[in-house]
N, C-alpha and C. Protein backbone atom coordinates (compact mmCIF):
# COMPACT_ATOMS: atom_id res chain seq x y z
N MET A 1 73.38 20.51 21.86
CA MET A 1 72.78 21.42 21.81
C MET A 1 74.20 22.73 21.87
N THR A 2 74.49 23.03 21.17
CA THR A 2 75.91 24.08 20.98
C THR A 2 75.76 25.33 20.99
N LYS A 3 76.63 26.07 21.45
CA LYS A 3 76.07 27.24 21.64
C LYS A 3 77.30 28.52 20.90
N SER A 4 76.08 29.34 20.75
CA SER A 4 76.74 30.28 19.85
C SER A 4 77.33 31.44 19.93
N LYS A 5 78.14 31.89 19.46
CA LYS A 5 78.73 33.10 19.53
C LYS A 5 77.88 34.47 19.41
N PHE A 6 78.45 35.68 20.36
CA PHE A 6 77.95 36.86 19.89
C PHE A 6 78.51 37.10 18.84
N ASN A 7 78.25 37.25 17.23
CA ASN A 7 79.11 38.96 16.82
C ASN A 7 77.93 40.00 16.48
N ILE A 8 79.47 40.08 16.70
CA ILE A 8 78.57 41.80 17.30
C ILE A 8 78.26 42.83 15.37
N LYS A 9 78.63 42.14 14.61
CA LYS A 9 78.44 42.63 13.01
C LYS A 9 77.54 41.87 12.71
N GLU A 10 76.95 40.75 13.33
CA GLU A 10 75.61 40.03 12.53
C GLU A 10 74.45 40.81 13.69
N PHE A 11 74.86 41.14 14.60
CA PHE A 11 74.03 41.79 15.60
C PHE A 11 73.13 43.01 14.88
N ILE A 12 73.66 43.86 14.73
CA ILE A 12 73.88 45.34 13.98
C ILE A 12 73.28 45.13 13.08
N GLY A 13 73.44 44.43 11.79
CA GLY A 13 72.87 43.58 10.53
C GLY A 13 71.66 43.69 11.11
N GLN A 14 71.37 43.13 12.29
CA GLN A 14 69.83 42.62 12.25
C GLN A 14 69.13 43.37 12.58
N LEU A 15 69.37 44.12 13.59
CA LEU A 15 69.20 46.15 14.53
C LEU A 15 67.75 45.82 13.48
N PRO A 16 67.81 46.35 12.70
CA PRO A 16 66.56 47.06 11.87
C PRO A 16 65.48 46.74 11.99
N SER A 17 65.81 44.97 11.09
CA SER A 17 64.92 43.99 11.06
C SER A 17 64.12 43.86 12.93
N ASN A 18 64.83 43.89 13.69
CA ASN A 18 64.52 43.46 14.51
C ASN A 18 63.52 44.52 15.59
N ILE A 19 63.73 45.86 15.33
CA ILE A 19 63.35 46.91 15.56
C ILE A 19 61.74 47.37 15.20
N PHE A 20 61.06 46.52 14.30
CA PHE A 20 60.56 46.86 12.70
C PHE A 20 59.90 45.63 13.90
N SER A 21 60.18 44.01 13.96
CA SER A 21 59.58 43.42 14.58
C SER A 21 59.05 43.88 15.92
N GLY A 22 60.01 44.27 16.74
CA GLY A 22 59.20 44.63 17.76
C GLY A 22 57.90 45.88 17.90
N PHE A 23 58.50 46.65 16.99
CA PHE A 23 57.10 47.45 16.65
C PHE A 23 56.28 46.52 16.65
N VAL A 24 56.17 45.78 15.65
CA VAL A 24 54.91 45.15 15.89
C VAL A 24 54.57 44.64 16.57
N VAL A 25 55.26 44.00 17.40
CA VAL A 25 54.56 42.98 18.51
C VAL A 25 54.08 44.03 19.51
N SER A 26 54.99 45.17 19.46
CA SER A 26 53.82 45.97 20.55
C SER A 26 52.26 46.68 19.95
N LEU A 27 52.52 46.92 18.98
CA LEU A 27 51.17 46.98 18.56
C LEU A 27 50.26 45.95 18.44
N ILE A 28 51.19 44.78 18.97
CA ILE A 28 50.06 43.50 18.60
C ILE A 28 49.84 43.06 19.35
N ALA A 29 50.65 43.72 20.86
CA ALA A 29 50.08 43.39 21.85
C ALA A 29 49.89 44.63 22.60
N LEU A 30 49.23 45.51 22.03
CA LEU A 30 48.67 46.95 22.64
C LEU A 30 46.51 46.31 23.32
N PRO A 31 46.21 46.27 22.01
CA PRO A 31 45.04 45.57 22.99
C PRO A 31 45.17 44.89 24.04
N LEU A 32 45.75 43.69 23.80
CA LEU A 32 45.10 42.44 25.41
C LEU A 32 46.23 43.14 26.26
N GLY A 33 47.35 44.36 25.88
CA GLY A 33 47.93 45.35 27.65
C GLY A 33 47.04 45.70 28.47
N LEU A 34 45.87 46.28 27.31
CA LEU A 34 45.09 47.55 27.87
C LEU A 34 43.89 46.66 28.60
N GLY A 35 43.60 44.88 27.73
CA GLY A 35 42.58 45.04 28.88
C GLY A 35 43.21 43.71 30.12
N LEU A 36 44.58 43.35 30.19
CA LEU A 36 44.64 42.69 30.59
C LEU A 36 44.96 44.29 32.23
N ALA A 37 45.64 45.46 31.60
CA ALA A 37 45.78 46.72 32.30
C ALA A 37 43.81 46.75 33.77
N MET A 38 43.42 47.06 32.78
CA MET A 38 41.73 47.20 32.53
C MET A 38 41.74 45.83 34.13
N ALA A 39 41.67 44.76 33.67
CA ALA A 39 41.13 43.20 34.13
C ALA A 39 42.06 42.93 35.85
N SER A 40 43.15 43.92 35.54
CA SER A 40 43.36 43.85 36.84
C SER A 40 43.47 45.35 37.85
N GLU A 41 42.67 45.52 37.58
CA GLU A 41 42.19 47.48 37.50
C GLU A 41 43.28 48.04 38.42
N ALA A 42 44.72 48.05 36.99
CA ALA A 42 46.24 48.88 36.94
C ALA A 42 45.18 49.77 35.51
N PRO A 43 46.07 51.06 35.51
CA PRO A 43 45.27 52.56 34.96
C PRO A 43 45.70 51.28 33.23
N PRO A 44 44.65 51.80 32.90
CA PRO A 44 44.79 51.93 31.50
C PRO A 44 46.10 52.23 30.61
N ILE A 45 46.79 52.99 31.08
CA ILE A 45 48.54 53.59 30.48
C ILE A 45 49.72 52.38 30.74
N ALA A 46 49.66 51.63 31.53
CA ALA A 46 50.12 50.89 32.01
C ALA A 46 50.27 49.40 31.13
N GLY A 47 49.01 49.34 30.62
CA GLY A 47 48.88 48.20 30.03
C GLY A 47 49.75 48.73 28.13
N ILE A 48 49.55 50.16 27.80
CA ILE A 48 49.73 50.55 26.89
C ILE A 48 51.87 51.16 27.22
N ILE A 49 52.48 50.96 28.48
CA ILE A 49 53.68 50.90 28.88
C ILE A 49 54.22 50.36 28.17
N THR A 50 53.11 48.88 29.26
CA THR A 50 54.34 47.39 28.82
C THR A 50 53.90 47.12 27.71
N ALA A 51 52.98 46.95 26.79
CA ALA A 51 53.80 47.02 24.95
C ALA A 51 53.97 47.26 24.05
N VAL A 52 54.82 48.60 24.97
CA VAL A 52 55.86 49.29 24.21
C VAL A 52 56.98 48.85 24.54
N ILE A 53 56.54 48.54 25.87
CA ILE A 53 58.71 49.03 26.00
C ILE A 53 59.10 47.33 26.33
N SER A 54 57.50 45.79 26.25
CA SER A 54 58.05 44.76 26.27
C SER A 54 58.47 43.74 24.38
N GLY A 55 58.15 45.59 23.29
CA GLY A 55 58.58 45.15 22.25
C GLY A 55 59.67 46.25 21.63
N VAL A 56 60.44 46.74 22.71
CA VAL A 56 61.73 47.65 22.16
C VAL A 56 62.60 46.40 23.40
N VAL A 57 62.33 46.30 24.52
CA VAL A 57 63.61 45.69 25.34
C VAL A 57 63.67 44.01 24.54
N VAL A 58 62.55 43.75 23.55
CA VAL A 58 62.75 42.09 22.99
C VAL A 58 63.52 42.22 21.91
N SER A 59 63.48 43.60 21.11
CA SER A 59 63.87 43.72 19.33
C SER A 59 65.55 43.97 20.42
N PHE A 60 65.98 44.08 20.70
CA PHE A 60 67.01 44.51 21.88
C PHE A 60 67.50 42.79 22.10
N LEU A 61 66.77 42.69 22.99
CA LEU A 61 67.26 41.73 23.58
C LEU A 61 67.45 40.66 23.39
N GLY A 62 65.87 40.04 22.40
CA GLY A 62 65.73 38.88 21.84
C GLY A 62 66.87 37.96 21.13
N GLY A 63 66.52 36.62 21.70
CA GLY A 63 68.14 36.35 20.77
C GLY A 63 67.48 34.79 20.30
N SER A 64 66.76 35.27 19.65
CA SER A 64 65.70 34.02 18.38
C SER A 64 65.59 34.44 17.46
N ASN A 65 65.04 33.99 16.24
CA ASN A 65 63.90 34.69 15.65
C ASN A 65 62.88 33.66 15.69
N VAL A 66 62.62 33.33 16.48
CA VAL A 66 61.56 32.81 16.55
C VAL A 66 60.68 32.83 18.19
N THR A 67 61.42 34.11 18.51
CA THR A 67 60.83 34.21 20.09
C THR A 67 59.13 35.26 20.18
N ILE A 68 58.41 34.97 20.32
CA ILE A 68 56.85 36.08 20.08
C ILE A 68 57.24 35.91 21.65
N THR A 69 57.15 37.36 21.90
CA THR A 69 56.67 37.81 23.47
C THR A 69 55.40 38.47 23.42
N GLY A 70 54.91 38.88 24.82
CA GLY A 70 53.68 39.34 24.54
C GLY A 70 52.95 39.35 26.24
N PRO A 71 51.73 40.15 26.62
CA PRO A 71 51.30 39.52 27.87
C PRO A 71 50.91 39.36 27.90
N GLY A 72 50.91 38.18 29.18
CA GLY A 72 50.45 36.53 29.76
C GLY A 72 49.20 36.66 30.45
N ASN A 73 47.85 36.03 29.99
CA ASN A 73 46.77 35.91 30.11
C ASN A 73 46.58 35.60 31.79
N GLY A 74 47.56 34.85 32.06
CA GLY A 74 47.53 34.21 33.62
C GLY A 74 48.11 34.98 34.32
N LEU A 75 48.27 36.26 34.36
CA LEU A 75 49.31 37.36 35.13
C LEU A 75 47.21 38.07 35.82
N VAL A 76 46.80 37.50 35.20
CA VAL A 76 45.91 38.43 35.43
C VAL A 76 45.76 38.54 37.10
N GLY A 77 45.02 37.07 37.43
CA GLY A 77 44.76 36.88 38.65
C GLY A 77 46.19 37.49 39.75
N VAL A 78 47.06 37.15 39.41
CA VAL A 78 48.69 37.63 40.44
C VAL A 78 48.61 39.63 40.11
N LEU A 79 48.21 40.12 38.98
CA LEU A 79 48.90 41.36 39.35
C LEU A 79 46.84 41.91 40.07
N LEU A 80 46.71 41.19 40.05
CA LEU A 80 44.68 42.05 40.55
C LEU A 80 45.33 41.28 42.33
N VAL A 81 45.78 40.25 42.28
CA VAL A 81 45.58 40.33 43.79
C VAL A 81 46.80 41.17 44.34
N ALA A 82 48.10 41.52 43.72
CA ALA A 82 48.97 42.20 44.14
C ALA A 82 48.49 43.56 43.86
N PHE A 83 47.59 44.56 43.68
CA PHE A 83 47.70 45.72 43.23
C PHE A 83 46.39 45.83 44.18
N THR A 84 45.50 44.99 45.31
CA THR A 84 44.84 45.02 46.17
C THR A 84 45.62 45.03 47.04
N THR A 85 46.60 44.52 47.36
CA THR A 85 47.14 43.93 48.61
C THR A 85 48.15 45.12 48.70
N LEU A 86 48.98 45.25 48.20
CA LEU A 86 50.64 45.77 47.74
C LEU A 86 49.77 47.90 47.48
N GLY A 87 49.19 48.06 46.60
CA GLY A 87 48.32 48.70 46.08
C GLY A 87 49.12 49.54 45.10
N PHE A 88 49.45 50.49 44.65
CA PHE A 88 50.01 50.62 43.50
C PHE A 88 51.26 51.19 43.49
N GLN A 89 52.04 51.44 44.28
CA GLN A 89 53.58 51.99 44.57
C GLN A 89 54.31 50.97 45.26
N GLY A 90 53.05 49.76 45.77
CA GLY A 90 53.85 48.91 46.04
C GLY A 90 54.14 47.45 44.35
N ALA A 91 52.95 47.16 44.54
CA ALA A 91 52.95 46.19 42.97
C ALA A 91 53.79 46.89 42.55
N TYR A 92 53.55 48.33 41.82
CA TYR A 92 55.22 48.57 40.89
C TYR A 92 56.43 48.96 41.53
N ALA A 93 56.73 48.29 42.43
CA ALA A 93 58.17 48.25 43.51
C ALA A 93 58.19 47.18 42.99
N ALA A 94 57.93 46.33 43.96
CA ALA A 94 57.35 44.09 43.70
C ALA A 94 58.13 44.10 42.14
N ILE A 95 57.12 44.77 40.92
CA ILE A 95 57.73 44.59 39.60
C ILE A 95 58.94 44.83 39.22
N ILE A 96 58.97 46.17 39.29
CA ILE A 96 60.54 46.34 39.37
C ILE A 96 61.64 45.98 39.65
N CYS A 97 61.54 45.56 41.23
CA CYS A 97 62.52 44.63 41.44
C CYS A 97 62.20 42.78 40.94
N SER A 98 61.30 42.77 40.71
CA SER A 98 61.59 41.23 39.78
C SER A 98 62.26 41.50 38.44
N GLY A 99 61.69 42.91 38.04
CA GLY A 99 62.59 42.78 36.49
C GLY A 99 63.99 42.32 36.72
N VAL A 100 64.26 43.92 38.21
CA VAL A 100 65.95 43.51 38.24
C VAL A 100 66.37 42.22 37.89
N LEU A 101 65.72 41.49 39.28
CA LEU A 101 66.32 40.57 39.24
C LEU A 101 66.63 39.28 38.13
N LEU A 102 65.00 39.69 37.19
CA LEU A 102 65.98 38.17 36.26
C LEU A 102 66.72 38.99 35.08
N ILE A 103 66.91 40.26 35.30
CA ILE A 103 67.70 40.68 34.32
C ILE A 103 69.15 39.81 34.97
N LEU A 104 69.34 40.36 35.84
CA LEU A 104 70.64 39.82 36.45
C LEU A 104 70.63 38.46 37.24
N LEU A 105 69.80 37.92 37.29
CA LEU A 105 70.40 35.85 36.68
C LEU A 105 70.32 35.38 35.53
N GLY A 106 70.08 36.42 34.32
CA GLY A 106 69.70 36.61 33.04
C GLY A 106 71.38 36.59 32.76
N PHE A 107 72.23 38.11 32.95
CA PHE A 107 73.86 38.03 33.09
C PHE A 107 74.32 37.34 33.58
N LEU A 108 73.91 36.64 34.99
CA LEU A 108 74.90 35.42 35.37
C LEU A 108 74.71 33.97 34.85
N ARG A 109 73.90 33.66 33.99
CA ARG A 109 73.28 32.93 33.26
C ARG A 109 72.95 31.61 34.03
N MET A 110 72.25 31.81 35.32
CA MET A 110 71.52 31.24 36.27
C MET A 110 70.27 30.65 35.15
N GLY A 111 69.68 30.31 34.10
CA GLY A 111 69.04 29.71 33.80
C GLY A 111 69.30 28.47 33.79
N GLU A 112 69.50 27.41 33.76
CA GLU A 112 69.82 26.16 33.66
C GLU A 112 68.93 26.32 35.69
N THR A 113 68.89 27.01 36.31
CA THR A 113 68.70 26.68 37.28
C THR A 113 67.12 26.81 37.41
N CYS A 114 66.17 26.87 36.61
CA CYS A 114 65.07 26.29 36.29
C CYS A 114 64.36 25.09 36.39
N ARG A 115 65.37 24.45 35.92
CA ARG A 115 65.02 23.39 36.43
C ARG A 115 65.02 22.03 37.35
N PHE A 116 64.91 22.81 38.52
CA PHE A 116 64.29 22.13 40.09
C PHE A 116 63.60 22.91 40.23
N PHE A 117 63.56 23.86 39.43
CA PHE A 117 62.02 24.15 39.97
C PHE A 117 60.52 23.54 39.07
N SER A 118 59.05 22.56 39.65
CA SER A 118 58.58 22.07 38.82
C SER A 118 57.07 23.51 38.39
N ILE A 119 56.99 23.47 37.06
CA ILE A 119 56.11 24.12 36.57
C ILE A 119 54.79 23.46 37.24
């Protein structure tokens, strides 16, 4: 597998279609985000915000034409436990901290470390 080089002109040229596809992904993920928020006893607005932000972020940072993103059904149990044990502010703080950690690991190119952990 060869490394692809980042081309700013190509990125800017593809940006309008990426933004449109991110908007479509947000609309498709909206009902699922609402359902997952309600199932994990979070406010419904949390599902709406999650669907919109994930669509926008992926449209700017997505590195593949075949990347499909959206809320995962397996997170309902994790979120339910987080919200009941930590409370809303604690769970939101944990979610933000884990997102910052993931972004930091991405910038440090630490994706290969996932091979050391079993799934």
